[in-house]
Amino acid sequence: MSTMNGKAVLVTGGSRGMGAATAVRLAREGADVAFTYVRGEEQAREVAARIEEAGGKAFPLRADAGDAGDAAGAVEWAADALGRLDVLVNNVGVGLLGPLESISLADVDRVLAVNVRSAFLASQAAAARMEEGGRIVTIGTCMTQRVPGPGGTLYTTSKAALVGLTKALARELGGWGITANIVHPGPTDTDMNPADGPYAEGQARMTALGRFGTAEEVAAMVAFLAGPDARYVTGAEFSVDGGHAA
């Protein structure tokens, strides 16, 4: 059953991994989907084709989330292209892991710009274009709830900030009937962190289920939060992590 017929969605970082899976899943639910990408034009075309095969209209846009103008401008462009904006999925992010002493100021600026500032600016722009029933869903990480080892200080800092952003947005926008929630994926099989990669076995052992998740499993949670059954859910954190934080 299509739960999002007529809805207009923007997924940031939608050309691969969890973003692509989310874009296609929401198209299958009946939505038209705009998505951003910063490189990989061929991948973006492939995702657009999958969205159209699923029955939705696809609107790919090249945008750099690390650029403040692009972060907010992508929302304005998407709302204009789609004719409205009902759902924003803040998915875009960069992962930078390494010893604390190896992190440079440039690293800090880039990670916080892409992972935090872009989500803030996109949410701010989206809230101005959404009507009652609008949804903001942000992708966090299981590492905000359990940091299993060293090397994740900057990345975890950036994703933890999104928890605060989500809860504050829920309070800020609740009076307009707009919800805000955050999804925390665990180890998930993507090209950035493949289930057969050199560190995969250890990551899988950290979960209660003993395996990696799939991008489609994360997308299913996003689809729920974007759909009609989640209209009374806001300011909440949802783990799709195989029990990583259990």
C-alpha atoms as a PDB file:
ATOM      1  CA  MET A   1       0.000   0.000   0.000  1.00  0.00           C
ATOM      2  CA  SER A   2       1.323   3.426  -0.944  1.00  0.00           C
ATOM      3  CA  THR A   3       1.411   5.593   2.162  1.00  0.00           C
ATOM      4  CA  MET A   4       2.994   8.723   0.682  1.00  0.00           C
ATOM      5  CA  ASN A   5       1.058   9.420  -2.499  1.00  0.00           C
ATOM      6  CA  GLY A   6       1.491  13.047  -3.483  1.00  0.00           C
ATOM      7  CA  LYS A   7       4.254  13.702  -0.957  1.00  0.00           C
ATOM      8  CA  ALA A   8       7.416  15.600  -1.874  1.00  0.00           C
ATOM      9  CA  VAL A   9      10.701  14.464  -0.335  1.00  0.00           C
ATOM     10  CA  LEU A  10      14.291  15.682  -0.249  1.00  0.00           C
ATOM     11  CA  VAL A  11      17.030  13.207   0.715  1.00  0.00           C
ATOM     12  CA  THR A  12      20.467  14.747   1.145  1.00  0.00           C
ATOM     13  CA  GLY A  13      23.339  12.515   0.073  1.00  0.00           C
ATOM     14  CA  GLY A  14      20.964  10.294  -1.858  1.00  0.00           C
ATOM     15  CA  SER A  15      23.174   8.830  -4.573  1.00  0.00           C
ATOM     16  CA  ARG A  16      24.451   5.809  -2.658  1.00  0.00           C
ATOM     17  CA  GLY A  17      24.152   3.705   0.465  1.00  0.00           C
ATOM     18  CA  MET A  18      21.421   4.496   2.969  1.00  0.00           C
ATOM     19  CA  GLY A  19      20.473   7.685   1.145  1.00  0.00           C
ATOM     20  CA  ALA A  20      19.844   5.871  -2.122  1.00  0.00           C
ATOM     21  CA  ALA A  21      17.909   3.090  -0.382  1.00  0.00           C
ATOM     22  CA  THR A  22      15.775   5.702   1.387  1.00  0.00           C
ATOM     23  CA  ALA A  23      15.088   7.645  -1.801  1.00  0.00           C
ATOM     24  CA  VAL A  24      13.941   4.506  -3.613  1.00  0.00           C
ATOM     25  CA  ARG A  25      11.883   3.238  -0.648  1.00  0.00           C
ATOM     26  CA  LEU A  26      10.006   6.527  -0.341  1.00  0.00           C
ATOM     27  CA  ALA A  27       9.352   6.507  -4.083  1.00  0.00           C
ATOM     28  CA  ARG A  28       7.846   3.033  -3.702  1.00  0.00           C
ATOM     29  CA  GLU A  29       5.597   4.491  -1.009  1.00  0.00           C
ATOM     30  CA  GLY A  30       4.300   6.974  -3.574  1.00  0.00           C
ATOM     31  CA  ALA A  31       6.511  10.038  -3.079  1.00  0.00           C
ATOM     32  CA  ASP A  32       8.324  12.192  -5.597  1.00  0.00           C
ATOM     33  CA  VAL A  33      11.944  12.459  -4.518  1.00  0.00           C
ATOM     34  CA  ALA A  34      14.651  15.059  -4.908  1.00  0.00           C
ATOM     35  CA  PHE A  35      18.114  14.087  -3.733  1.00  0.00           C
ATOM     36  CA  THR A  36      21.528  15.664  -3.556  1.00  0.00           C
ATOM     37  CA  TYR A  37      24.945  14.315  -4.418  1.00  0.00           C
ATOM     38  CA  VAL A  38      28.377  15.890  -4.491  1.00  0.00           C
ATOM     39  CA  ARG A  39      30.115  13.520  -6.926  1.00  0.00           C
ATOM     40  CA  GLY A  40      29.318  10.293  -8.721  1.00  0.00           C
ATOM     41  CA  GLU A  41      27.011  11.615 -11.410  1.00  0.00           C
ATOM     42  CA  GLU A  42      26.649   8.134 -12.878  1.00  0.00           C
ATOM     43  CA  GLN A  43      25.434   6.788  -9.518  1.00  0.00           C
ATOM     44  CA  ALA A  44      23.007   9.691  -9.248  1.00  0.00           C
ATOM     45  CA  ARG A  45      21.549   8.857 -12.662  1.00  0.00           C
ATOM     46  CA  GLU A  46      21.155   5.229 -11.623  1.00  0.00           C
ATOM     47  CA  VAL A  47      19.301   6.205  -8.438  1.00  0.00           C
ATOM     48  CA  ALA A  48      17.072   8.570 -10.419  1.00  0.00           C
ATOM     49  CA  ALA A  49      16.210   5.701 -12.754  1.00  0.00           C
ATOM     50  CA  ARG A  50      15.370   3.459  -9.777  1.00  0.00           C
ATOM     51  CA  ILE A  51      13.114   6.161  -8.322  1.00  0.00           C
ATOM     52  CA  GLU A  52      11.261   6.436 -11.624  1.00  0.00           C
ATOM     53  CA  GLU A  53      10.980   2.655 -11.910  1.00  0.00           C
ATOM     54  CA  ALA A  54       9.396   2.697  -8.458  1.00  0.00           C
ATOM     55  CA  GLY A  55       6.780   5.121  -9.711  1.00  0.00           C
ATOM     56  CA  GLY A  56       8.092   8.464  -8.465  1.00  0.00           C
ATOM     57  CA  LYS A  57       9.497  11.533 -10.127  1.00  0.00           C
ATOM     58  CA  ALA A  58      13.231  12.000  -9.549  1.00  0.00           C
ATOM     59  CA  PHE A  59      15.070  15.292  -9.152  1.00  0.00           C
ATOM     60  CA  PRO A  60      18.840  14.885  -8.634  1.00  0.00           C
ATOM     61  CA  LEU A  61      20.872  17.935  -7.662  1.00  0.00           C
ATOM     62  CA  ARG A  62      24.615  18.287  -7.332  1.00  0.00           C
ATOM     63  CA  ALA A  63      25.264  20.139  -4.059  1.00  0.00           C
ATOM     64  CA  ASP A  64      28.104  20.254  -1.539  1.00  0.00           C
ATOM     65  CA  ALA A  65      26.730  19.969   1.993  1.00  0.00           C
ATOM     66  CA  GLY A  66      29.942  21.516   3.280  1.00  0.00           C
ATOM     67  CA  ASP A  67      28.987  24.761   1.558  1.00  0.00           C
ATOM     68  CA  ALA A  68      26.481  26.770   3.612  1.00  0.00           C
ATOM     69  CA  GLY A  69      24.804  28.159   0.509  1.00  0.00           C
ATOM     70  CA  ASP A  70      24.359  24.715  -1.002  1.00  0.00           C
ATOM     71  CA  ALA A  71      23.024  23.228   2.238  1.00  0.00           C
ATOM     72  CA  ALA A  72      20.124  25.670   2.434  1.00  0.00           C
ATOM     73  CA  GLY A  73      19.854  26.252  -1.302  1.00  0.00           C
ATOM     74  CA  ALA A  74      19.238  22.574  -2.016  1.00  0.00           C
ATOM     75  CA  VAL A  75      16.076  22.745   0.087  1.00  0.00           C
ATOM     76  CA  GLU A  76      14.802  25.789  -1.755  1.00  0.00           C
ATOM     77  CA  TRP A  77      15.587  24.192  -5.099  1.00  0.00           C
ATOM     78  CA  ALA A  78      13.869  20.923  -4.137  1.00  0.00           C
ATOM     79  CA  ALA A  79      10.751  22.663  -2.853  1.00  0.00           C
ATOM     80  CA  ASP A  80      10.518  24.661  -6.072  1.00  0.00           C
ATOM     81  CA  ALA A  81      11.154  21.640  -8.295  1.00  0.00           C
ATOM     82  CA  LEU A  82       8.658  19.464  -6.430  1.00  0.00           C
ATOM     83  CA  GLY A  83       6.108  22.213  -5.941  1.00  0.00           C
ATOM     84  CA  ARG A  84       6.141  21.694  -2.157  1.00  0.00           C
ATOM     85  CA  LEU A  85       8.161  19.956   0.540  1.00  0.00           C
ATOM     86  CA  ASP A  86       6.698  17.440   2.963  1.00  0.00           C
ATOM     87  CA  VAL A  87       9.730  15.441   4.118  1.00  0.00           C
ATOM     88  CA  LEU A  88      13.399  16.261   4.639  1.00  0.00           C
ATOM     89  CA  VAL A  89      15.828  13.397   5.259  1.00  0.00           C
ATOM     90  CA  ASN A  90      19.135  14.733   6.568  1.00  0.00           C
ATOM     91  CA  ASN A  91      21.279  11.824   5.440  1.00  0.00           C
ATOM     92  CA  VAL A  92      24.438  13.379   4.049  1.00  0.00           C
ATOM     93  CA  GLY A  93      27.525  12.945   6.189  1.00  0.00           C
ATOM     94  CA  VAL A  94      31.230  12.239   6.222  1.00  0.00           C
ATOM     95  CA  GLY A  95      32.971   9.735   8.445  1.00  0.00           C
ATOM     96  CA  LEU A  96      36.456  10.558   9.637  1.00  0.00           C
ATOM     97  CA  LEU A  97      37.970   8.164  12.145  1.00  0.00           C
ATOM     98  CA  GLY A  98      41.435   8.316  13.647  1.00  0.00           C
ATOM     99  CA  PRO A  99      43.459   9.017  16.786  1.00  0.00           C
ATOM    100  CA  LEU A 100      42.595  12.248  18.532  1.00  0.00           C
ATOM    101  CA  GLU A 101      46.089  13.655  17.995  1.00  0.00           C
ATOM    102  CA  SER A 102      45.818  13.121  14.240  1.00  0.00           C
ATOM    103  CA  ILE A 103      42.697  15.276  13.778  1.00  0.00           C
ATOM    104  CA  SER A 104      43.488  18.627  12.186  1.00  0.00           C
ATOM    105  CA  LEU A 105      41.545  21.876  12.419  1.00  0.00           C
ATOM    106  CA  ALA A 106      40.608  21.421   8.771  1.00  0.00           C
ATOM    107  CA  ASP A 107      39.183  17.993   9.628  1.00  0.00           C
ATOM    108  CA  VAL A 108      37.101  19.498  12.442  1.00  0.00           C
ATOM    109  CA  ASP A 109      35.769  22.270  10.228  1.00  0.00           C
ATOM    110  CA  ARG A 110      34.854  19.928   7.366  1.00  0.00           C
ATOM    111  CA  VAL A 111      33.152  17.256   9.494  1.00  0.00           C
ATOM    112  CA  LEU A 112      31.141  19.751  11.524  1.00  0.00           C
ATOM    113  CA  ALA A 113      30.179  21.677   8.392  1.00  0.00           C
ATOM    114  CA  VAL A 114      28.893  18.594   6.564  1.00  0.00           C
ATOM    115  CA  ASN A 115      27.462  16.603   9.454  1.00  0.00           C
ATOM    116  CA  VAL A 116      26.059  19.357  11.678  1.00  0.00           C
ATOM    117  CA  ARG A 117      25.834  22.736   9.985  1.00  0.00           C
ATOM    118  CA  SER A 118      24.265  21.334   6.819  1.00  0.00           C
ATOM    119  CA  ALA A 119      21.553  19.515   8.810  1.00  0.00           C
ATOM    120  CA  PHE A 120      20.805  22.688  10.794  1.00  0.00           C
ATOM    121  CA  LEU A 121      20.602  24.895   7.700  1.00  0.00           C
ATOM    122  CA  ALA A 122      18.579  22.369   5.710  1.00  0.00           C
ATOM    123  CA  SER A 123      16.137  21.910   8.589  1.00  0.00           C
ATOM    124  CA  GLN A 124      15.811  25.664   9.014  1.00  0.00           C
ATOM    125  CA  ALA A 125      15.063  26.116   5.315  1.00  0.00           C
ATOM    126  CA  ALA A 126      12.704  23.138   5.222  1.00  0.00           C
ATOM    127  CA  ALA A 127      10.688  24.337   8.200  1.00  0.00           C
ATOM    128  CA  ALA A 128       9.963  27.562   6.335  1.00  0.00           C
ATOM    129  CA  ARG A 129       8.556  25.627   3.366  1.00  0.00           C
ATOM    130  CA  MET A 130       6.685  22.820   5.141  1.00  0.00           C
ATOM    131  CA  GLU A 131       3.022  22.796   6.066  1.00  0.00           C
ATOM    132  CA  GLU A 132       1.349  20.933   8.915  1.00  0.00           C
ATOM    133  CA  GLY A 133       2.321  17.255   8.793  1.00  0.00           C
ATOM    134  CA  GLY A 134       5.873  17.944   7.617  1.00  0.00           C
ATOM    135  CA  ARG A 135       8.588  15.531   8.683  1.00  0.00           C
ATOM    136  CA  ILE A 136      12.299  15.953   9.357  1.00  0.00           C
ATOM    137  CA  VAL A 137      14.229  12.696   9.736  1.00  0.00           C
ATOM    138  CA  THR A 138      17.956  12.825  10.457  1.00  0.00           C
ATOM    139  CA  ILE A 139      20.471   9.995  10.216  1.00  0.00           C
ATOM    140  CA  GLY A 140      22.727   9.696  13.254  1.00  0.00           C
ATOM    141  CA  THR A 141      24.849   6.727  14.332  1.00  0.00           C
ATOM    142  CA  CYS A 142      24.884   3.971  16.923  1.00  0.00           C
ATOM    143  CA  MET A 143      28.110   5.536  18.202  1.00  0.00           C
ATOM    144  CA  THR A 144      26.120   8.288  19.921  1.00  0.00           C
ATOM    145  CA  GLN A 145      24.848   5.591  22.281  1.00  0.00           C
ATOM    146  CA  ARG A 146      27.885   3.352  22.566  1.00  0.00           C
ATOM    147  CA  VAL A 147      31.415   4.149  21.446  1.00  0.00           C
ATOM    148  CA  PRO A 148      33.097   0.744  21.167  1.00  0.00           C
ATOM    149  CA  GLY A 149      36.699   1.934  20.934  1.00  0.00           C
ATOM    150  CA  PRO A 150      39.084   4.818  20.250  1.00  0.00           C
ATOM    151  CA  GLY A 151      39.267   6.819  17.046  1.00  0.00           C
ATOM    152  CA  GLY A 152      35.736   8.144  16.795  1.00  0.00           C
ATOM    153  CA  THR A 153      35.910  11.372  18.776  1.00  0.00           C
ATOM    154  CA  LEU A 154      35.236  13.851  15.975  1.00  0.00           C
ATOM    155  CA  TYR A 155      32.680  11.720  14.145  1.00  0.00           C
ATOM    156  CA  THR A 156      30.768  10.912  17.334  1.00  0.00           C
ATOM    157  CA  THR A 157      30.821  14.556  18.417  1.00  0.00           C
ATOM    158  CA  SER A 158      29.244  15.596  15.132  1.00  0.00           C
ATOM    159  CA  LYS A 159      26.528  12.937  15.249  1.00  0.00           C
ATOM    160  CA  ALA A 160      25.746  13.538  18.918  1.00  0.00           C
ATOM    161  CA  ALA A 161      25.037  17.168  18.044  1.00  0.00           C
ATOM    162  CA  LEU A 162      22.262  15.920  15.766  1.00  0.00           C
ATOM    163  CA  VAL A 163      20.467  14.392  18.743  1.00  0.00           C
ATOM    164  CA  GLY A 164      20.253  17.816  20.358  1.00  0.00           C
ATOM    165  CA  LEU A 165      19.204  19.365  17.067  1.00  0.00           C
ATOM    166  CA  THR A 166      16.423  16.815  16.647  1.00  0.00           C
ATOM    167  CA  LYS A 167      14.992  17.282  20.123  1.00  0.00           C
ATOM    168  CA  ALA A 168      15.124  21.060  19.815  1.00  0.00           C
ATOM    169  CA  LEU A 169      13.457  20.959  16.392  1.00  0.00           C
ATOM    170  CA  ALA A 170      10.668  18.827  17.828  1.00  0.00           C
ATOM    171  CA  ARG A 171       9.956  21.507  20.431  1.00  0.00           C
ATOM    172  CA  GLU A 172      10.446  24.379  17.999  1.00  0.00           C
ATOM    173  CA  LEU A 173       8.201  22.999  15.266  1.00  0.00           C
ATOM    174  CA  GLY A 174       5.633  20.967  17.172  1.00  0.00           C
ATOM    175  CA  GLY A 175       3.188  23.859  17.230  1.00  0.00           C
ATOM    176  CA  TRP A 176       3.121  23.781  13.428  1.00  0.00           C
ATOM    177  CA  GLY A 177       2.487  20.042  13.353  1.00  0.00           C
ATOM    178  CA  ILE A 178       5.982  19.260  12.026  1.00  0.00           C
ATOM    179  CA  THR A 179       7.826  16.320  13.565  1.00  0.00           C
ATOM    180  CA  ALA A 180      11.569  15.702  13.928  1.00  0.00           C
ATOM    181  CA  ASN A 181      13.198  12.348  14.705  1.00  0.00           C
ATOM    182  CA  ILE A 182      16.622  10.735  14.400  1.00  0.00           C
ATOM    183  CA  VAL A 183      17.609   7.230  13.272  1.00  0.00           C
ATOM    184  CA  HIS A 184      20.813   5.619  14.547  1.00  0.00           C
ATOM    185  CA  PRO A 185      22.138   2.955  12.152  1.00  0.00           C
ATOM    186  CA  GLY A 186      24.577   0.354  13.394  1.00  0.00           C
ATOM    187  CA  PRO A 187      27.154  -1.357  11.181  1.00  0.00           C
ATOM    188  CA  THR A 188      25.456  -1.243   7.783  1.00  0.00           C
ATOM    189  CA  ASP A 189      26.565  -2.828   4.542  1.00  0.00           C
ATOM    190  CA  THR A 190      27.393   0.057   2.190  1.00  0.00           C
ATOM    191  CA  ASP A 191      30.277   0.850  -0.117  1.00  0.00           C
ATOM    192  CA  MET A 192      31.737   3.031   2.653  1.00  0.00           C
ATOM    193  CA  ASN A 193      31.610   0.189   5.197  1.00  0.00           C
ATOM    194  CA  PRO A 194      31.120  -3.123   3.379  1.00  0.00           C
ATOM    195  CA  ALA A 195      30.063  -6.234   5.265  1.00  0.00           C
ATOM    196  CA  ASP A 196      33.093  -8.036   3.812  1.00  0.00           C
ATOM    197  CA  GLY A 197      35.546  -5.245   4.636  1.00  0.00           C
ATOM    198  CA  PRO A 198      38.712  -5.651   6.738  1.00  0.00           C
ATOM    199  CA  TYR A 199      37.036  -4.468   9.973  1.00  0.00           C
ATOM    200  CA  ALA A 200      33.620  -5.991   9.382  1.00  0.00           C
ATOM    201  CA  GLU A 201      33.978  -9.111  11.502  1.00  0.00           C
ATOM    202  CA  GLY A 202      34.730  -7.124  14.649  1.00  0.00           C
ATOM    203  CA  GLN A 203      31.860  -4.723  13.994  1.00  0.00           C
ATOM    204  CA  ALA A 204      29.403  -7.563  13.485  1.00  0.00           C
ATOM    205  CA  ARG A 205      30.469  -9.150  16.775  1.00  0.00           C
ATOM    206  CA  MET A 206      29.546  -5.929  18.587  1.00  0.00           C
ATOM    207  CA  THR A 207      25.895  -6.371  17.621  1.00  0.00           C
ATOM    208  CA  ALA A 208      23.453  -8.652  19.403  1.00  0.00           C
ATOM    209  CA  LEU A 209      22.398 -10.175  16.079  1.00  0.00           C
ATOM    210  CA  GLY A 210      25.967 -10.809  14.957  1.00  0.00           C
ATOM    211  CA  ARG A 211      25.608  -9.285  11.508  1.00  0.00           C
ATOM    212  CA  PHE A 212      25.639  -6.099   9.491  1.00  0.00           C
ATOM    213  CA  GLY A 213      22.373  -4.389   8.682  1.00  0.00           C
ATOM    214  CA  THR A 214      21.279  -3.443   5.191  1.00  0.00           C
ATOM    215  CA  ALA A 215      20.618   0.010   3.812  1.00  0.00           C
ATOM    216  CA  GLU A 216      17.059  -1.117   3.120  1.00  0.00           C
ATOM    217  CA  GLU A 217      16.508  -1.900   6.815  1.00  0.00           C
ATOM    218  CA  VAL A 218      17.496   1.639   7.722  1.00  0.00           C
ATOM    219  CA  ALA A 219      15.310   3.002   4.929  1.00  0.00           C
ATOM    220  CA  ALA A 220      12.328   1.090   6.324  1.00  0.00           C
ATOM    221  CA  MET A 221      12.588   2.986   9.603  1.00  0.00           C
ATOM    222  CA  VAL A 222      12.882   6.303   7.787  1.00  0.00           C
ATOM    223  CA  ALA A 223       9.797   5.409   5.741  1.00  0.00           C
ATOM    224  CA  PHE A 224       7.840   4.715   8.922  1.00  0.00           C
ATOM    225  CA  LEU A 225       8.830   8.048  10.450  1.00  0.00           C
ATOM    226  CA  ALA A 226       7.990   9.858   7.209  1.00  0.00           C
ATOM    227  CA  GLY A 227       4.628   8.120   6.887  1.00  0.00           C
ATOM    228  CA  PRO A 228       1.171   8.660   8.394  1.00  0.00           C
ATOM    229  CA  ASP A 229       1.526   6.146  11.232  1.00  0.00           C
ATOM    230  CA  ALA A 230       4.259   8.251  12.875  1.00  0.00           C
ATOM    231  CA  ARG A 231       2.285  11.477  13.170  1.00  0.00           C
ATOM    232  CA  TYR A 232       2.451  11.360  17.013  1.00  0.00           C
ATOM    233  CA  VAL A 233       6.181  10.530  17.107  1.00  0.00           C
ATOM    234  CA  THR A 234       8.605  13.401  17.529  1.00  0.00           C
ATOM    235  CA  GLY A 235      11.846  14.252  19.306  1.00  0.00           C
ATOM    236  CA  ALA A 236      12.715  10.552  19.451  1.00  0.00           C
ATOM    237  CA  GLU A 237      15.762   8.399  18.737  1.00  0.00           C
ATOM    238  CA  PHE A 238      15.404   5.084  16.898  1.00  0.00           C
ATOM    239  CA  SER A 239      18.172   2.489  16.775  1.00  0.00           C
ATOM    240  CA  VAL A 240      18.499   0.272  13.704  1.00  0.00           C
ATOM    241  CA  ASP A 241      21.704  -1.278  14.951  1.00  0.00           C
ATOM    242  CA  GLY A 242      21.187  -4.998  15.487  1.00  0.00           C
ATOM    243  CA  GLY A 243      21.522  -4.497  19.238  1.00  0.00           C
ATOM    244  CA  HIS A 244      24.847  -2.614  19.079  1.00  0.00           C
ATOM    245  CA  ALA A 245      23.753  -0.465  22.030  1.00  0.00           C
ATOM    246  CA  ALA A 246      22.052  -3.281  23.965  1.00  0.00           C
END
